[in-house]
């Protein structure tokens, strides 16, 4: 049975390196690339589902248990701050655009007087 992986792991790694090479260590970029590969393949966005999908997509001698631990460690690593990565990510996405339209959903919960953006 052959694997049908949605995206190529080397393309993911190269893309993330291009965007984050000034902000992240090479090994952290590799971990992020592996987790991205798992997230794209996973049926759910739980840590376990991403890890299992990552192990399947990599197709190497990576056990599901090891992959789940890798995703968990990446997401709980204090040195991996998603919000700090936005400083590189947003300019990359916007490129030469001079303006961006951002859609927000404002939900008002009348019963308990809470609002969520």
PDB file of N, CA and C in Angstrom:
ATOM      1  N   UNK A   1       0.839  -1.174   0.000  1.00  0.00           N
ATOM      2  CA  UNK A   1       0.000   0.000   0.000  1.00  0.00           C
ATOM      3  C   UNK A   1       0.892   1.248   0.000  1.00  0.00           C
ATOM      4  N   UNK A   2       0.676   2.144  -0.941  1.00  0.00           N
ATOM      5  CA  UNK A   2       1.489   3.353  -1.017  1.00  0.00           C
ATOM      6  C   UNK A   2       0.845   4.496  -0.245  1.00  0.00           C
ATOM      7  N   UNK A   3       1.701   5.362   0.231  1.00  0.00           N
ATOM      8  CA  UNK A   3       1.233   6.536   0.979  1.00  0.00           C
ATOM      9  C   UNK A   3       0.864   7.647   0.007  1.00  0.00           C
ATOM     10  N   UNK A   4      -0.192   8.355   0.320  1.00  0.00           N
ATOM     11  CA  UNK A   4      -0.588   9.531  -0.451  1.00  0.00           C
ATOM     12  C   UNK A   4      -0.520  10.717   0.508  1.00  0.00           C
ATOM     13  N   UNK A   5       0.669  11.299   0.615  1.00  0.00           N
ATOM     14  CA  UNK A   5       0.895  12.422   1.517  1.00  0.00           C
ATOM     15  C   UNK A   5       0.474  13.699   0.803  1.00  0.00           C
ATOM     16  N   UNK A   6      -0.262  14.558   1.514  1.00  0.00           N
ATOM     17  CA  UNK A   6      -0.822  15.770   0.912  1.00  0.00           C
ATOM     18  C   UNK A   6       0.249  16.757   0.454  1.00  0.00           C
ATOM     19  N   UNK A   7       1.327  16.874   1.208  1.00  0.00           N
ATOM     20  CA  UNK A   7       2.389  17.813   0.854  1.00  0.00           C
ATOM     21  C   UNK A   7       3.746  17.165   1.082  1.00  0.00           C
ATOM     22  N   UNK A   8       4.738  17.642   0.356  1.00  0.00           N
ATOM     23  CA  UNK A   8       6.083  17.096   0.435  1.00  0.00           C
ATOM     24  C   UNK A   8       6.829  17.675   1.636  1.00  0.00           C
ATOM     25  N   UNK A   9       7.433  16.810   2.432  1.00  0.00           N
ATOM     26  CA  UNK A   9       8.091  17.266   3.663  1.00  0.00           C
ATOM     27  C   UNK A   9       9.261  18.200   3.385  1.00  0.00           C
ATOM     28  N   UNK A  10       9.971  18.000   2.295  1.00  0.00           N
ATOM     29  CA  UNK A  10      11.094  18.887   1.973  1.00  0.00           C
ATOM     30  C   UNK A  10      10.611  20.263   1.534  1.00  0.00           C
ATOM     31  N   UNK A  11       9.489  20.319   0.836  1.00  0.00           N
ATOM     32  CA  UNK A  11       8.924  21.617   0.458  1.00  0.00           C
ATOM     33  C   UNK A  11       8.479  22.390   1.697  1.00  0.00           C
ATOM     34  N   UNK A  12       7.884  21.697   2.656  1.00  0.00           N
ATOM     35  CA  UNK A  12       7.449  22.339   3.898  1.00  0.00           C
ATOM     36  C   UNK A  12       8.657  22.883   4.648  1.00  0.00           C
ATOM     37  N   UNK A  13       9.700  22.074   4.781  1.00  0.00           N
ATOM     38  CA  UNK A  13      10.905  22.503   5.487  1.00  0.00           C
ATOM     39  C   UNK A  13      11.547  23.699   4.790  1.00  0.00           C
ATOM     40  N   UNK A  14      11.655  23.650   3.458  1.00  0.00           N
ATOM     41  CA  UNK A  14      12.264  24.751   2.706  1.00  0.00           C
ATOM     42  C   UNK A  14      11.457  26.038   2.857  1.00  0.00           C
ATOM     43  N   UNK A  15      10.138  25.918   2.803  1.00  0.00           N
ATOM     44  CA  UNK A  15       9.269  27.086   2.960  1.00  0.00           C
ATOM     45  C   UNK A  15       9.435  27.713   4.341  1.00  0.00           C
ATOM     46  N   UNK A  16       9.386  26.889   5.388  1.00  0.00           N
ATOM     47  CA  UNK A  16       9.516  27.407   6.747  1.00  0.00           C
ATOM     48  C   UNK A  16      10.912  27.980   6.997  1.00  0.00           C
ATOM     49  N   UNK A  17      11.917  27.404   6.378  1.00  0.00           N
ATOM     50  CA  UNK A  17      13.273  27.942   6.492  1.00  0.00           C
ATOM     51  C   UNK A  17      13.338  29.326   5.867  1.00  0.00           C
ATOM     52  N   UNK A  18      12.731  29.480   4.701  1.00  0.00           N
ATOM     53  CA  UNK A  18      12.714  30.782   4.028  1.00  0.00           C
ATOM     54  C   UNK A  18      12.062  31.856   4.902  1.00  0.00           C
ATOM     55  N   UNK A  19      10.969  31.501   5.549  1.00  0.00           N
ATOM     56  CA  UNK A  19      10.228  32.478   6.348  1.00  0.00           C
ATOM     57  C   UNK A  19      10.885  32.737   7.703  1.00  0.00           C
ATOM     58  N   UNK A  20      11.366  31.683   8.368  1.00  0.00           N
ATOM     59  CA  UNK A  20      11.777  31.810   9.770  1.00  0.00           C
ATOM     60  C   UNK A  20      13.263  31.604  10.051  1.00  0.00           C
ATOM     61  N   UNK A  21      14.117  31.534   9.037  1.00  0.00           N
ATOM     62  CA  UNK A  21      15.518  31.216   9.301  1.00  0.00           C
ATOM     63  C   UNK A  21      16.215  32.241  10.197  1.00  0.00           C
ATOM     64  N   UNK A  22      15.754  33.479  10.214  1.00  0.00           N
ATOM     65  CA  UNK A  22      16.363  34.490  11.082  1.00  0.00           C
ATOM     66  C   UNK A  22      15.807  34.450  12.503  1.00  0.00           C
ATOM     67  N   UNK A  23      14.708  33.727  12.707  1.00  0.00           N
ATOM     68  CA  UNK A  23      14.026  33.728  13.998  1.00  0.00           C
ATOM     69  C   UNK A  23      14.130  32.412  14.766  1.00  0.00           C
ATOM     70  N   UNK A  24      14.315  31.306  14.066  1.00  0.00           N
ATOM     71  CA  UNK A  24      14.300  29.992  14.710  1.00  0.00           C
ATOM     72  C   UNK A  24      15.561  29.206  14.386  1.00  0.00           C
ATOM     73  N   UNK A  25      15.993  28.392  15.334  1.00  0.00           N
ATOM     74  CA  UNK A  25      17.104  27.466  15.133  1.00  0.00           C
ATOM     75  C   UNK A  25      16.692  26.429  14.084  1.00  0.00           C
ATOM     76  N   UNK A  26      17.666  25.904  13.365  1.00  0.00           N
ATOM     77  CA  UNK A  26      17.416  24.929  12.299  1.00  0.00           C
ATOM     78  C   UNK A  26      16.614  23.728  12.801  1.00  0.00           C
ATOM     79  N   UNK A  27      16.956  23.221  13.975  1.00  0.00           N
ATOM     80  CA  UNK A  27      16.247  22.051  14.521  1.00  0.00           C
ATOM     81  C   UNK A  27      14.801  22.386  14.878  1.00  0.00           C
ATOM     82  N   UNK A  28      14.564  23.613  15.333  1.00  0.00           N
ATOM     83  CA  UNK A  28      13.194  24.008  15.667  1.00  0.00           C
ATOM     84  C   UNK A  28      12.366  24.154  14.385  1.00  0.00           C
ATOM     85  N   UNK A  29      12.989  24.644  13.323  1.00  0.00           N
ATOM     86  CA  UNK A  29      12.301  24.722  12.028  1.00  0.00           C
ATOM     87  C   UNK A  29      11.946  23.318  11.553  1.00  0.00           C
ATOM     88  N   UNK A  30      12.856  22.377  11.734  1.00  0.00           N
ATOM     89  CA  UNK A  30      12.585  20.994  11.339  1.00  0.00           C
ATOM     90  C   UNK A  30      11.422  20.417  12.141  1.00  0.00           C
ATOM     91  N   UNK A  31      11.394  20.664  13.450  1.00  0.00           N
ATOM     92  CA  UNK A  31      10.276  20.190  14.279  1.00  0.00           C
ATOM     93  C   UNK A  31       8.964  20.827  13.839  1.00  0.00           C
ATOM     94  N   UNK A  32       9.003  22.121  13.534  1.00  0.00           N
ATOM     95  CA  UNK A  32       7.806  22.815  13.061  1.00  0.00           C
ATOM     96  C   UNK A  32       7.358  22.253  11.711  1.00  0.00           C
ATOM     97  N   UNK A  33       8.304  21.929  10.849  1.00  0.00           N
ATOM     98  CA  UNK A  33       7.967  21.338   9.549  1.00  0.00           C
ATOM     99  C   UNK A  33       7.298  19.979   9.730  1.00  0.00           C
ATOM    100  N   UNK A  34       7.837  19.171  10.631  1.00  0.00           N
ATOM    101  CA  UNK A  34       7.234  17.860  10.888  1.00  0.00           C
ATOM    102  C   UNK A  34       5.824  18.011  11.463  1.00  0.00           C
ATOM    103  N   UNK A  35       5.657  18.941  12.406  1.00  0.00           N
ATOM    104  CA  UNK A  35       4.332  19.164  12.998  1.00  0.00           C
ATOM    105  C   UNK A  35       3.351  19.695  11.954  1.00  0.00           C
ATOM    106  N   UNK A  36       3.831  20.553  11.062  1.00  0.00           N
ATOM    107  CA  UNK A  36       2.981  21.065   9.979  1.00  0.00           C
ATOM    108  C   UNK A  36       2.525  19.924   9.088  1.00  0.00           C
ATOM    109  N   UNK A  37       3.439  19.053   8.753  1.00  0.00           N
ATOM    110  CA  UNK A  37       3.111  17.881   7.942  1.00  0.00           C
ATOM    111  C   UNK A  37       2.032  17.047   8.627  1.00  0.00           C
ATOM    112  N   UNK A  38       2.163  16.853   9.927  1.00  0.00           N
ATOM    113  CA  UNK A  38       1.165  16.102  10.686  1.00  0.00           C
ATOM    114  C   UNK A  38      -0.169  16.814  10.741  1.00  0.00           C
ATOM    115  N   UNK A  39      -0.149  18.137  10.943  1.00  0.00           N
ATOM    116  CA  UNK A  39      -1.401  18.901  11.034  1.00  0.00           C
ATOM    117  C   UNK A  39      -2.180  18.855   9.726  1.00  0.00           C
ATOM    118  N   UNK A  40      -1.469  18.888   8.606  1.00  0.00           N
ATOM    119  CA  UNK A  40      -2.141  18.830   7.305  1.00  0.00           C
ATOM    120  C   UNK A  40      -2.783  17.462   7.083  1.00  0.00           C
ATOM    121  N   UNK A  41      -2.130  16.411   7.558  1.00  0.00           N
ATOM    122  CA  UNK A  41      -2.635  15.047   7.358  1.00  0.00           C
ATOM    123  C   UNK A  41      -3.670  14.615   8.399  1.00  0.00           C
ATOM    124  N   UNK A  42      -3.656  15.246   9.569  1.00  0.00           N
ATOM    125  CA  UNK A  42      -4.482  14.787  10.690  1.00  0.00           C
ATOM    126  C   UNK A  42      -5.964  15.057  10.467  1.00  0.00           C
ATOM    127  N   UNK A  43      -6.780  14.191  11.034  1.00  0.00           N
ATOM    128  CA  UNK A  43      -8.235  14.359  10.967  1.00  0.00           C
ATOM    129  C   UNK A  43      -8.732  15.271  12.078  1.00  0.00           C
ATOM    130  N   UNK A  44      -7.864  15.572  13.037  1.00  0.00           N
ATOM    131  CA  UNK A  44      -8.211  16.396  14.192  1.00  0.00           C
ATOM    132  C   UNK A  44      -6.980  17.212  14.564  1.00  0.00           C
ATOM    133  N   UNK A  45      -7.166  18.298  15.287  1.00  0.00           N
ATOM    134  CA  UNK A  45      -6.022  19.114  15.682  1.00  0.00           C
ATOM    135  C   UNK A  45      -5.577  18.852  17.118  1.00  0.00           C
ATOM    136  N   UNK A  46      -5.830  17.661  17.619  1.00  0.00           N
ATOM    137  CA  UNK A  46      -5.303  17.298  18.934  1.00  0.00           C
ATOM    138  C   UNK A  46      -3.823  16.952  18.780  1.00  0.00           C
ATOM    139  N   UNK A  47      -3.077  17.087  19.854  1.00  0.00           N
ATOM    140  CA  UNK A  47      -1.648  16.779  19.829  1.00  0.00           C
ATOM    141  C   UNK A  47      -1.426  15.336  19.390  1.00  0.00           C
ATOM    142  N   UNK A  48      -2.217  14.421  19.925  1.00  0.00           N
ATOM    143  CA  UNK A  48      -2.071  13.001  19.580  1.00  0.00           C
ATOM    144  C   UNK A  48      -2.354  12.755  18.101  1.00  0.00           C
ATOM    145  N   UNK A  49      -3.404  13.360  17.572  1.00  0.00           N
ATOM    146  CA  UNK A  49      -3.758  13.158  16.160  1.00  0.00           C
ATOM    147  C   UNK A  49      -2.679  13.726  15.243  1.00  0.00           C
ATOM    148  N   UNK A  50      -2.164  14.908  15.585  1.00  0.00           N
ATOM    149  CA  UNK A  50      -1.102  15.512  14.770  1.00  0.00           C
ATOM    150  C   UNK A  50       0.149  14.644  14.819  1.00  0.00           C
ATOM    151  N   UNK A  51       0.508  14.154  16.003  1.00  0.00           N
ATOM    152  CA  UNK A  51       1.683  13.303  16.133  1.00  0.00           C
ATOM    153  C   UNK A  51       1.557  12.008  15.350  1.00  0.00           C
ATOM    154  N   UNK A  52       0.417  11.358  15.456  1.00  0.00           N
ATOM    155  CA  UNK A  52       0.209  10.103  14.719  1.00  0.00           C
ATOM    156  C   UNK A  52       0.236  10.340  13.216  1.00  0.00           C
ATOM    157  N   UNK A  53      -0.389  11.425  12.765  1.00  0.00           N
ATOM    158  CA  UNK A  53      -0.392  11.747  11.339  1.00  0.00           C
ATOM    159  C   UNK A  53       1.011  12.117  10.866  1.00  0.00           C
ATOM    160  N   UNK A  54       1.762  12.781  11.726  1.00  0.00           N
ATOM    161  CA  UNK A  54       3.138  13.133  11.391  1.00  0.00           C
ATOM    162  C   UNK A  54       3.974  11.871  11.192  1.00  0.00           C
ATOM    163  N   UNK A  55       3.835  10.913  12.090  1.00  0.00           N
ATOM    164  CA  UNK A  55       4.580   9.655  11.967  1.00  0.00           C
ATOM    165  C   UNK A  55       4.207   8.945  10.673  1.00  0.00           C
ATOM    166  N   UNK A  56       2.931   8.916  10.353  1.00  0.00           N
ATOM    167  CA  UNK A  56       2.473   8.264   9.125  1.00  0.00           C
ATOM    168  C   UNK A  56       3.017   8.980   7.896  1.00  0.00           C
ATOM    169  N   UNK A  57       2.926  10.319   7.883  1.00  0.00           N
ATOM    170  CA  UNK A  57       3.333  11.096   6.713  1.00  0.00           C
ATOM    171  C   UNK A  57       4.838  11.037   6.476  1.00  0.00           C
ATOM    172  N   UNK A  58       5.612  11.013   7.546  1.00  0.00           N
ATOM    173  CA  UNK A  58       7.063  10.939   7.388  1.00  0.00           C
ATOM    174  C   UNK A  58       7.475   9.586   6.842  1.00  0.00           C
ATOM    175  N   UNK A  59       6.758   8.544   7.214  1.00  0.00           N
ATOM    176  CA  UNK A  59       7.000   7.225   6.660  1.00  0.00           C
ATOM    177  C   UNK A  59       8.365   6.639   6.980  1.00  0.00           C
ATOM    178  N   UNK A  60       9.065   7.237   7.911  1.00  0.00           N
ATOM    179  CA  UNK A  60      10.388   6.756   8.289  1.00  0.00           C
ATOM    180  C   UNK A  60      10.243   5.830   9.491  1.00  0.00           C
ATOM    181  N   UNK A  61      11.331   5.569  10.149  1.00  0.00           N
ATOM    182  CA  UNK A  61      11.293   4.749  11.360  1.00  0.00           C
ATOM    183  C   UNK A  61      10.915   5.609  12.562  1.00  0.00           C
ATOM    184  N   UNK A  62       9.785   6.291  12.455  1.00  0.00           N
ATOM    185  CA  UNK A  62       9.294   7.157  13.523  1.00  0.00           C
ATOM    186  C   UNK A  62       8.039   6.511  14.085  1.00  0.00           C
ATOM    187  N   UNK A  63       8.062   6.202  15.362  1.00  0.00           N
ATOM    188  CA  UNK A  63       6.872   5.611  15.969  1.00  0.00           C
ATOM    189  C   UNK A  63       5.857   6.706  16.278  1.00  0.00           C
ATOM    190  N   UNK A  64       4.607   6.327  16.356  1.00  0.00           N
ATOM    191  CA  UNK A  64       3.558   7.280  16.714  1.00  0.00           C
ATOM    192  C   UNK A  64       3.836   7.884  18.083  1.00  0.00           C
ATOM    193  N   UNK A  65       4.302   7.051  19.006  1.00  0.00           N
ATOM    194  CA  UNK A  65       4.589   7.530  20.362  1.00  0.00           C
ATOM    195  C   UNK A  65       5.657   8.623  20.335  1.00  0.00           C
ATOM    196  N   UNK A  66       6.720   8.403  19.585  1.00  0.00           N
ATOM    197  CA  UNK A  66       7.795   9.393  19.477  1.00  0.00           C
ATOM    198  C   UNK A  66       7.280  10.678  18.832  1.00  0.00           C
ATOM    199  N   UNK A  67       6.469  10.546  17.796  1.00  0.00           N
ATOM    200  CA  UNK A  67       5.954  11.716  17.085  1.00  0.00           C
ATOM    201  C   UNK A  67       5.015  12.539  17.961  1.00  0.00           C
ATOM    202  N   UNK A  68       4.171  11.874  18.734  1.00  0.00           N
ATOM    203  CA  UNK A  68       3.270  12.592  19.648  1.00  0.00           C
ATOM    204  C   UNK A  68       4.096  13.363  20.676  1.00  0.00           C
ATOM    205  N   UNK A  69       5.148  12.735  21.204  1.00  0.00           N
ATOM    206  CA  UNK A  69       6.023  13.417  22.166  1.00  0.00           C
ATOM    207  C   UNK A  69       6.699  14.624  21.519  1.00  0.00           C
ATOM    208  N   UNK A  70       7.101  14.483  20.258  1.00  0.00           N
ATOM    209  CA  UNK A  70       7.767  15.583  19.566  1.00  0.00           C
ATOM    210  C   UNK A  70       6.824  16.776  19.397  1.00  0.00           C
ATOM    211  N   UNK A  71       5.592  16.525  18.999  1.00  0.00           N
ATOM    212  CA  UNK A  71       4.613  17.604  18.842  1.00  0.00           C
ATOM    213  C   UNK A  71       4.329  18.251  20.197  1.00  0.00           C
ATOM    214  N   UNK A  72       4.150  17.431  21.221  1.00  0.00           N
ATOM    215  CA  UNK A  72       3.877  17.960  22.556  1.00  0.00           C
ATOM    216  C   UNK A  72       5.026  18.837  23.049  1.00  0.00           C
ATOM    217  N   UNK A  73       6.242  18.394  22.844  1.00  0.00           N
ATOM    218  CA  UNK A  73       7.405  19.168  23.285  1.00  0.00           C
ATOM    219  C   UNK A  73       7.539  20.469  22.507  1.00  0.00           C
ATOM    220  N   UNK A  74       7.247  20.437  21.223  1.00  0.00           N
ATOM    221  CA  UNK A  74       7.303  21.663  20.427  1.00  0.00           C
ATOM    222  C   UNK A  74       6.305  22.689  20.951  1.00  0.00           C
ATOM    223  N   UNK A  75       5.071  22.255  21.150  1.00  0.00           N
ATOM    224  CA  UNK A  75       4.019  23.182  21.561  1.00  0.00           C
ATOM    225  C   UNK A  75       4.177  23.674  22.998  1.00  0.00           C
ATOM    226  N   UNK A  76       4.860  22.905  23.840  1.00  0.00           N
ATOM    227  CA  UNK A  76       5.040  23.331  25.232  1.00  0.00           C
ATOM    228  C   UNK A  76       6.404  23.981  25.470  1.00  0.00           C
ATOM    229  N   UNK A  77       7.190  24.139  24.423  1.00  0.00           N
ATOM    230  CA  UNK A  77       8.521  24.725  24.534  1.00  0.00           C
ATOM    231  C   UNK A  77       8.410  26.243  24.695  1.00  0.00           C
ATOM    232  N   UNK A  78       8.954  26.758  25.789  1.00  0.00           N
ATOM    233  CA  UNK A  78       8.906  28.194  26.047  1.00  0.00           C
ATOM    234  C   UNK A  78       9.661  29.016  25.013  1.00  0.00           C
ATOM    235  N   UNK A  79      10.619  28.413  24.332  1.00  0.00           N
ATOM    236  CA  UNK A  79      11.375  29.111  23.294  1.00  0.00           C
ATOM    237  C   UNK A  79      10.648  29.197  21.973  1.00  0.00           C
ATOM    238  N   UNK A  80       9.527  28.533  21.882  1.00  0.00           N
ATOM    239  CA  UNK A  80       8.732  28.552  20.650  1.00  0.00           C
ATOM    240  C   UNK A  80       7.499  29.408  20.911  1.00  0.00           C
ATOM    241  N   UNK A  81       7.588  30.682  20.571  1.00  0.00           N
ATOM    242  CA  UNK A  81       6.509  31.634  20.816  1.00  0.00           C
ATOM    243  C   UNK A  81       5.841  31.986  19.490  1.00  0.00           C
ATOM    244  N   UNK A  82       4.670  31.446  19.271  1.00  0.00           N
ATOM    245  CA  UNK A  82       3.948  31.653  18.010  1.00  0.00           C
ATOM    246  C   UNK A  82       3.755  33.137  17.729  1.00  0.00           C
ATOM    247  N   UNK A  83       3.429  33.907  18.746  1.00  0.00           N
ATOM    248  CA  UNK A  83       3.146  35.333  18.543  1.00  0.00           C
ATOM    249  C   UNK A  83       4.378  36.087  18.069  1.00  0.00           C
ATOM    250  N   UNK A  84       5.560  35.699  18.512  1.00  0.00           N
ATOM    251  CA  UNK A  84       6.788  36.356  18.048  1.00  0.00           C
ATOM    252  C   UNK A  84       7.068  36.039  16.581  1.00  0.00           C
ATOM    253  N   UNK A  85       6.607  34.889  16.132  1.00  0.00           N
ATOM    254  CA  UNK A  85       6.823  34.507  14.737  1.00  0.00           C
ATOM    255  C   UNK A  85       5.987  35.345  13.774  1.00  0.00           C
ATOM    256  N   UNK A  86       4.947  35.973  14.284  1.00  0.00           N
ATOM    257  CA  UNK A  86       4.110  36.808  13.425  1.00  0.00           C
ATOM    258  C   UNK A  86       4.902  37.966  12.830  1.00  0.00           C
ATOM    259  N   UNK A  87       5.970  38.412  13.501  1.00  0.00           N
ATOM    260  CA  UNK A  87       6.801  39.500  12.988  1.00  0.00           C
ATOM    261  C   UNK A  87       7.431  39.131  11.645  1.00  0.00           C
ATOM    262  N   UNK A  88       7.683  37.859  11.414  1.00  0.00           N
ATOM    263  CA  UNK A  88       8.205  37.392  10.125  1.00  0.00           C
ATOM    264  C   UNK A  88       7.094  36.906   9.208  1.00  0.00           C
ATOM    265  N   UNK A  89       6.099  36.262   9.790  1.00  0.00           N
ATOM    266  CA  UNK A  89       5.032  35.641   9.009  1.00  0.00           C
ATOM    267  C   UNK A  89       4.155  36.671   8.293  1.00  0.00           C
ATOM    268  N   UNK A  90       3.709  37.697   9.009  1.00  0.00           N
ATOM    269  CA  UNK A  90       2.782  38.675   8.426  1.00  0.00           C
ATOM    270  C   UNK A  90       3.409  39.413   7.245  1.00  0.00           C
ATOM    271  N   UNK A  91       4.629  39.961   7.356  1.00  0.00           N
ATOM    272  CA  UNK A  91       5.219  40.606   6.175  1.00  0.00           C
ATOM    273  C   UNK A  91       5.398  39.638   5.001  1.00  0.00           C
ATOM    274  N   UNK A  92       5.693  38.381   5.300  1.00  0.00           N
ATOM    275  CA  UNK A  92       5.833  37.398   4.229  1.00  0.00           C
ATOM    276  C   UNK A  92       4.502  37.200   3.509  1.00  0.00           C
ATOM    277  N   UNK A  93       3.416  37.082   4.263  1.00  0.00           N
ATOM    278  CA  UNK A  93       2.091  36.862   3.671  1.00  0.00           C
ATOM    279  C   UNK A  93       1.627  38.103   2.909  1.00  0.00           C
ATOM    280  N   UNK A  94       1.831  39.267   3.489  1.00  0.00           N
ATOM    281  CA  UNK A  94       1.367  40.501   2.850  1.00  0.00           C
ATOM    282  C   UNK A  94       2.232  40.906   1.665  1.00  0.00           C
ATOM    283  N   UNK A  95       3.502  40.558   1.691  1.00  0.00           N
ATOM    284  CA  UNK A  95       4.448  40.859   0.610  1.00  0.00           C
ATOM    285  C   UNK A  95       4.413  42.343   0.258  1.00  0.00           C
ATOM    286  N   UNK A  96       4.126  42.669  -0.988  1.00  0.00           N
ATOM    287  CA  UNK A  96       4.148  44.058  -1.457  1.00  0.00           C
ATOM    288  C   UNK A  96       2.800  44.757  -1.322  1.00  0.00           C
ATOM    289  N   UNK A  97       1.827  44.085  -0.747  1.00  0.00           N
ATOM    290  CA  UNK A  97       0.503  44.706  -0.619  1.00  0.00           C
ATOM    291  C   UNK A  97       0.581  45.943   0.272  1.00  0.00           C
ATOM    292  N   UNK A  98      -0.194  46.951  -0.088  1.00  0.00           N
ATOM    293  CA  UNK A  98      -0.193  48.186   0.703  1.00  0.00           C
ATOM    294  C   UNK A  98      -1.344  48.230   1.694  1.00  0.00           C
ATOM    295  N   UNK A  99      -2.297  47.323   1.546  1.00  0.00           N
ATOM    296  CA  UNK A  99      -3.385  47.246   2.515  1.00  0.00           C
ATOM    297  C   UNK A  99      -3.911  45.820   2.595  1.00  0.00           C
ATOM    298  N   UNK A 100      -4.551  45.530   3.715  1.00  0.00           N
ATOM    299  CA  UNK A 100      -5.124  44.199   3.929  1.00  0.00           C
ATOM    300  C   UNK A 100      -6.517  44.361   4.515  1.00  0.00           C
ATOM    301  N   UNK A 101      -7.420  43.494   4.111  1.00  0.00           N
ATOM    302  CA  UNK A 101      -8.768  43.475   4.667  1.00  0.00           C
ATOM    303  C   UNK A 101      -8.820  42.332   5.673  1.00  0.00           C
ATOM    304  N   UNK A 102      -9.202  42.648   6.891  1.00  0.00           N
ATOM    305  CA  UNK A 102      -9.253  41.646   7.951  1.00  0.00           C
ATOM    306  C   UNK A 102     -10.695  41.515   8.421  1.00  0.00           C
ATOM    307  N   UNK A 103     -11.244  40.322   8.329  1.00  0.00           N
ATOM    308  CA  UNK A 103     -12.626  40.071   8.750  1.00  0.00           C
ATOM    309  C   UNK A 103     -12.627  39.538  10.179  1.00  0.00           C
ATOM    310  N   UNK A 104     -13.449  40.118  11.022  1.00  0.00           N
ATOM    311  CA  UNK A 104     -13.564  39.695  12.416  1.00  0.00           C
ATOM    312  C   UNK A 104     -15.005  39.304  12.708  1.00  0.00           C
ATOM    313  N   UNK A 105     -15.169  38.347  13.590  1.00  0.00           N
ATOM    314  CA  UNK A 105     -16.500  37.914  14.008  1.00  0.00           C
ATOM    315  C   UNK A 105     -16.694  38.320  15.460  1.00  0.00           C
ATOM    316  N   UNK A 106     -17.684  39.143  15.707  1.00  0.00           N
ATOM    317  CA  UNK A 106     -17.994  39.603  17.058  1.00  0.00           C
ATOM    318  C   UNK A 106     -19.240  38.879  17.519  1.00  0.00           C
ATOM    319  N   UNK A 107     -19.122  38.060  18.546  1.00  0.00           N
ATOM    320  CA  UNK A 107     -20.256  37.292  19.048  1.00  0.00           C
ATOM    321  C   UNK A 107     -20.677  37.837  20.404  1.00  0.00           C
ATOM    322  N   UNK A 108     -21.953  38.146  20.539  1.00  0.00           N
ATOM    323  CA  UNK A 108     -22.495  38.715  21.773  1.00  0.00           C
ATOM    324  C   UNK A 108     -23.363  37.664  22.456  1.00  0.00           C
ATOM    325  N   UNK A 109     -23.002  37.303  23.685  1.00  0.00           N
ATOM    326  CA  UNK A 109     -23.771  36.337  24.460  1.00  0.00           C
ATOM    327  C   UNK A 109     -24.632  37.106  25.462  1.00  0.00           C
ATOM    328  N   UNK A 110     -25.873  37.336  25.106  1.00  0.00           N
ATOM    329  CA  UNK A 110     -26.767  38.156  25.931  1.00  0.00           C
ATOM    330  C   UNK A 110     -27.024  37.561  27.313  1.00  0.00           C
ATOM    331  N   UNK A 111     -27.150  36.253  27.411  1.00  0.00           N
ATOM    332  CA  UNK A 111     -27.523  35.630  28.677  1.00  0.00           C
ATOM    333  C   UNK A 111     -26.515  35.896  29.791  1.00  0.00           C
ATOM    334  N   UNK A 112     -25.230  35.892  29.461  1.00  0.00           N
ATOM    335  CA  UNK A 112     -24.235  36.114  30.517  1.00  0.00           C
ATOM    336  C   UNK A 112     -23.434  37.401  30.309  1.00  0.00           C
ATOM    337  N   UNK A 113     -23.885  38.244  29.394  1.00  0.00           N
ATOM    338  CA  UNK A 113     -23.290  39.557  29.146  1.00  0.00           C
ATOM    339  C   UNK A 113     -21.802  39.463  28.779  1.00  0.00           C
ATOM    340  N   UNK A 114     -21.449  38.447  27.986  1.00  0.00           N
ATOM    341  CA  UNK A 114     -20.076  38.312  27.507  1.00  0.00           C
ATOM    342  C   UNK A 114     -20.041  38.570  26.014  1.00  0.00           C
ATOM    343  N   UNK A 115     -18.914  39.062  25.564  1.00  0.00           N
ATOM    344  CA  UNK A 115     -18.699  39.267  24.140  1.00  0.00           C
ATOM    345  C   UNK A 115     -17.373  38.634  23.763  1.00  0.00           C
ATOM    346  N   UNK A 116     -17.345  38.052  22.591  1.00  0.00           N
ATOM    347  CA  UNK A 116     -16.141  37.389  22.113  1.00  0.00           C
ATOM    348  C   UNK A 116     -15.793  37.924  20.741  1.00  0.00           C
ATOM    349  N   UNK A 117     -14.537  38.204  20.544  1.00  0.00           N
ATOM    350  CA  UNK A 117     -14.064  38.669  19.249  1.00  0.00           C
ATOM    351  C   UNK A 117     -13.382  37.524  18.555  1.00  0.00           C
TER     352      UNK A 117
END
